[in-house]
Structures are given as structure tokens and as C-alpha cells.
Protein backbone atom coordinates (compact mmCIF):
# COMPACT_ATOMS: atom_id res chain seq x y z
CA MET A 1 -16.18 -9.33 -18.64
CA ALA A 2 -13.68 -7.99 -17.01
CA LEU A 3 -10.40 -9.02 -18.56
CA SER A 4 -8.09 -11.92 -15.92
CA ALA A 5 -4.34 -11.20 -15.40
CA VAL A 6 -1.75 -12.94 -17.39
CA MET A 7 0.99 -15.11 -15.01
CA ARG A 8 4.18 -15.08 -16.12
CA ARG A 9 6.94 -17.27 -15.03
CA PHE A 10 10.85 -15.75 -15.32
CA VAL A 11 13.13 -18.42 -14.62
CA VAL A 12 16.66 -15.87 -14.03
CA GLN A 13 19.98 -16.69 -13.70
CA LEU A 14 21.49 -13.88 -12.44
CA ALA A 15 24.72 -12.77 -12.25
CA ASP A 16 25.72 -9.63 -10.90
CA SER A 17 29.07 -8.87 -10.03
CA ASP A 18 29.27 -6.03 -9.59
CA ARG A 19 27.28 -6.30 -6.50
CA GLU A 20 28.34 -9.94 -5.86
CA VAL A 21 25.19 -11.09 -6.36
CA TYR A 22 24.86 -14.83 -7.65
CA GLU A 23 21.44 -16.54 -7.85
CA GLU A 24 18.58 -18.17 -9.77
CA LEU A 25 15.35 -16.39 -8.99
CA ASP A 26 12.42 -17.93 -9.68
CA LEU A 27 9.82 -15.03 -10.10
CA ARG A 28 5.95 -15.39 -10.89
CA VAL A 29 4.28 -12.41 -11.88
CA ALA A 30 0.67 -11.57 -12.73
CA GLN A 31 0.56 -8.77 -15.80
CA HIS A 32 -2.27 -6.60 -14.88
CA PRO A 33 -4.84 -6.43 -18.19
CA SER A 34 -3.46 -2.49 -18.58
CA GLU A 35 -0.05 -3.40 -18.15
CA SER A 36 1.83 -3.26 -21.17
CA GLU A 37 4.71 -5.88 -22.28
CA ARG A 38 6.99 -2.75 -22.14
CA TYR A 39 6.13 -2.04 -18.44
CA LEU A 40 6.07 -5.50 -17.37
CA VAL A 41 9.52 -5.88 -18.70
CA ALA A 42 10.30 -2.79 -16.68
CA ARG A 43 9.16 -3.93 -13.59
CA VAL A 44 10.62 -7.47 -13.93
CA LEU A 45 14.14 -6.41 -14.84
CA ALA A 46 13.57 -4.09 -11.61
CA ARG A 47 13.03 -6.53 -9.63
CA ILE A 48 15.82 -8.24 -10.76
CA LEU A 49 18.00 -5.56 -10.49
CA GLU A 50 17.36 -4.63 -6.84
CA HIS A 51 17.17 -8.12 -5.68
CA GLY A 52 17.87 -8.47 -2.39
CA GLU A 53 16.19 -8.88 1.54
CA GLY A 54 13.01 -8.28 1.47
CA VAL A 55 12.35 -7.21 -1.88
CA ASP A 56 9.13 -8.30 -3.26
CA PHE A 57 6.41 -6.76 -6.37
CA SER A 58 3.38 -4.88 -4.12
CA LYS A 59 0.79 -7.01 -2.54
CA LEU A 60 -2.52 -5.38 -4.95
CA GLY A 61 0.44 -4.99 -8.09
CA VAL A 62 0.36 -2.38 -10.93
CA SER A 63 -3.35 -1.64 -10.09
CA ASP A 64 -2.38 -0.14 -6.58
CA ASP A 65 -2.56 3.88 -6.28
CA GLU A 66 -1.19 3.81 -3.03
CA GLU A 67 1.70 1.19 -3.02
CA PRO A 68 4.94 1.59 -5.64
CA ALA A 69 5.62 -1.69 -8.58
CA LEU A 70 8.21 -2.82 -6.38
CA VAL A 71 8.76 -2.94 -2.44
CA GLN A 72 11.34 -3.46 -0.23
CA ARG A 73 11.05 -4.29 4.00
CA ASP A 74 13.15 -5.45 6.83
CA LEU A 75 12.30 -8.47 8.60
CA ARG A 76 9.87 -6.50 10.94
CA GLY A 77 7.91 -4.81 8.03
CA ASP A 78 8.97 -1.15 8.01
CA LEU A 79 9.21 -0.39 4.40
CA VAL A 80 13.71 -0.24 3.31
CA ALA A 81 13.00 1.04 0.03
CA TRP A 82 9.87 2.44 -2.16
CA ILE A 83 10.54 1.10 -6.03
CA GLU A 84 8.91 2.78 -8.98
CA VAL A 85 8.57 1.89 -12.71
CA GLY A 86 8.04 4.21 -15.14
CA SER A 87 7.29 7.98 -14.55
CA PRO A 88 5.67 8.66 -11.57
CA THR A 89 4.47 12.16 -10.17
CA PRO A 90 6.38 14.73 -8.47
CA ASP A 91 4.28 14.87 -6.07
CA ARG A 92 4.34 10.64 -5.48
CA LEU A 93 7.73 11.09 -5.35
CA HIS A 94 7.41 13.44 -2.33
CA LYS A 95 4.94 11.35 -0.41
CA ALA A 96 6.98 8.42 -1.84
CA SER A 97 10.77 9.81 -0.16
CA LYS A 98 8.26 10.82 3.62
CA ALA A 99 7.45 7.27 3.41
CA SER A 100 10.48 5.92 2.96
CA PRO A 101 14.64 6.16 3.48
CA ARG A 102 14.64 4.68 0.07
CA VAL A 103 13.74 5.96 -3.39
CA VAL A 104 13.91 4.50 -7.07
CA VAL A 105 12.51 4.93 -10.04
CA TYR A 106 13.28 2.78 -13.40
CA ALA A 107 12.23 4.92 -15.89
CA TRP A 108 12.37 5.30 -19.70
CA LYS A 109 9.59 7.41 -20.94
CA ASN A 110 11.35 11.35 -21.44
CA VAL A 111 13.61 11.44 -18.60
CA PRO A 112 15.00 14.91 -19.07
CA ALA A 113 11.35 16.30 -18.51
CA LEU A 114 11.38 13.38 -15.28
CA VAL A 115 14.09 15.33 -13.96
CA GLU A 116 12.94 18.62 -15.02
CA SER A 117 9.14 18.11 -12.89
CA ILE A 118 11.06 16.93 -9.64
CA VAL A 119 13.77 19.68 -10.01
CA GLU A 120 10.57 22.77 -9.22
CA ARG A 121 8.48 20.60 -7.55
CA LYS A 122 11.38 20.88 -5.01
CA GLY A 123 10.14 17.91 -3.07
CA TYR A 124 11.59 16.37 -0.06
CA LYS A 125 14.91 14.88 -0.14
CA ALA A 126 14.48 14.78 -4.12
CA GLU A 127 17.84 14.64 -5.08
CA ALA A 128 18.63 11.83 -2.43
CA ILE A 129 16.14 9.79 -5.15
CA GLU A 130 17.77 7.06 -7.61
CA LEU A 131 16.60 7.28 -11.08
CA HIS A 132 17.85 4.73 -13.16
CA ALA A 133 16.85 5.48 -17.25
CA LEU A 134 16.30 2.14 -19.49
CA ALA A 135 16.32 2.98 -23.50
CA PRO A 136 12.34 1.98 -24.59
CA GLU A 137 13.83 0.04 -27.81
CA TRP A 138 15.75 -2.05 -25.50
CA LEU A 139 12.29 -2.66 -23.48
CA ASP A 140 10.59 -3.12 -26.57
CA ALA A 141 12.86 -5.37 -27.79
CA ILE A 142 12.84 -8.30 -24.92
CA ALA A 143 9.00 -7.61 -24.79
CA ALA A 144 9.02 -9.38 -27.90
CA LYS A 145 10.17 -12.12 -26.81
CA LEU A 146 7.85 -12.41 -23.95
CA ASP A 147 5.97 -15.93 -23.34
CA ARG A 148 4.18 -16.84 -20.61
CA LEU A 149 7.30 -19.51 -19.15
CA ASN A 150 10.64 -16.60 -19.61
CA LYS A 151 14.03 -18.38 -18.75
CA TRP A 152 16.45 -15.48 -18.62
CA ASP A 153 20.66 -15.01 -18.15
CA LEU A 154 21.33 -11.75 -16.80
CA ALA A 155 24.95 -10.91 -16.12
CA ILE A 156 25.54 -7.27 -14.86
CA THR A 157 29.40 -6.27 -14.96
CA GLY A 158 30.87 -2.57 -15.15
CA GLY A 159 26.83 -1.06 -15.34
CA GLN A 160 26.22 -2.91 -18.86
CA LEU A 161 23.17 -5.15 -18.87
CA TYR A 162 24.13 -8.81 -21.06
CA LEU A 163 20.14 -10.17 -21.03
CA THR A 164 20.45 -13.55 -22.36
CA ILE A 165 16.82 -14.90 -24.13
CA GLY A 166 16.59 -18.11 -26.37
CA GLY A 167 20.33 -17.19 -27.49
CA ALA A 168 19.50 -14.13 -28.37
CA LEU A 169 21.36 -11.48 -26.23
CA PHE A 170 20.07 -8.43 -25.22
CA GLU A 171 22.99 -5.25 -24.06
CA GLY A 172 21.52 -2.25 -22.74
CA THR A 173 22.28 -0.08 -19.45
CA SER A 174 20.71 0.91 -15.93
CA ASP A 175 21.70 4.32 -17.01
CA ARG A 176 22.11 7.06 -13.27
CA VAL A 177 20.67 10.20 -13.76
CA PRO A 178 20.88 12.72 -11.38
CA ILE A 179 18.50 15.18 -9.49
CA GLN A 180 20.37 18.31 -8.55
CA ILE A 181 18.26 20.57 -6.37
CA GLY A 182 19.24 24.24 -6.17
């Protein structure tokens, strides 16, 4: 018998002073049986950090090899941003750069090696890829607080992330890592 996804709800008070976004988000997220808590937390944080018109989780979720973890589409349904979570292959990012005007990656595992592989591949518009590094320890600390119903308060100011869960504060960053070809 196949394992089923775990439905989790995230009610997030978002105060992003860097982008002047102040909203309450109510996200329902299916955690695939093969998806680690760290990956789930990174995926939800990426969704929150990218919050804007047309940003959503992919239709088939993490089990789909053809779509990224998150997509952003305009009102006509055209792809605006391809948003990956984890360590996608350089070939996948090459494909993404050809399919979308904006490609974003939120990574935590061996980010320098990911940058090196992207530079070696010299993929299409590789230097335009927005690569953000998240600290794995930070993601794991947040993952330890996961529940079916999650109430988060996330304040973003000056690039610093202040996430409060049940009175506990988790401070982190989403550091932009440049990709320089040639």
C-alpha cells in the first residue's frame, strides 16, 4: 500500500519591509511521502519569500520532474518565474532558463559545488539565475517545530529573516550567491 501525502497548513503573518509586503497567507501544502521535513520547510519558505501575484506551488508537487517546486504565472498563464528548491542539475536550470524569463533557486546543500557545476555547464543565461543559500541548520531547527497546523510570523528586514513559531525565534538569511560565467 502506497503512503499518502501529509496535508499541512501554514498560516503566516508576513511583514516583508524590504519589499513592502504585509499580508496574512493561508497555505495548504501536501508533503509528499518521500519529501524530507527540511525540503518542505525550504519549499514553504521559498513560497513565502517569493510571495506575489501568480506565485504558487506546482500542480503535481515534488513528484513531477517536468515542473519546478514553485511557479509564477501572469494573468494569461504565461510563465514568469521558475522557482527551484534544493540542488537542481545544471541541465535542468538550462532548460528552466530557456522556458522562463526568471529562474530562482533556494539551496542549502553544498551551494559552492552547485555554483561550480552551473559555471562548468555554461547554461543558457546562467549568470541571470538567482541563487539563494539557506542554512541547513536553520531549516532543521524550523522543521523540528512542524505540525499539521503551523502558525508562523515572518519579518524580513535588511535581508534578515526573523521567523517566530510558538514564541520561539529563528533568525536566518537568504543569501544571494552570484554566478559568474567566464
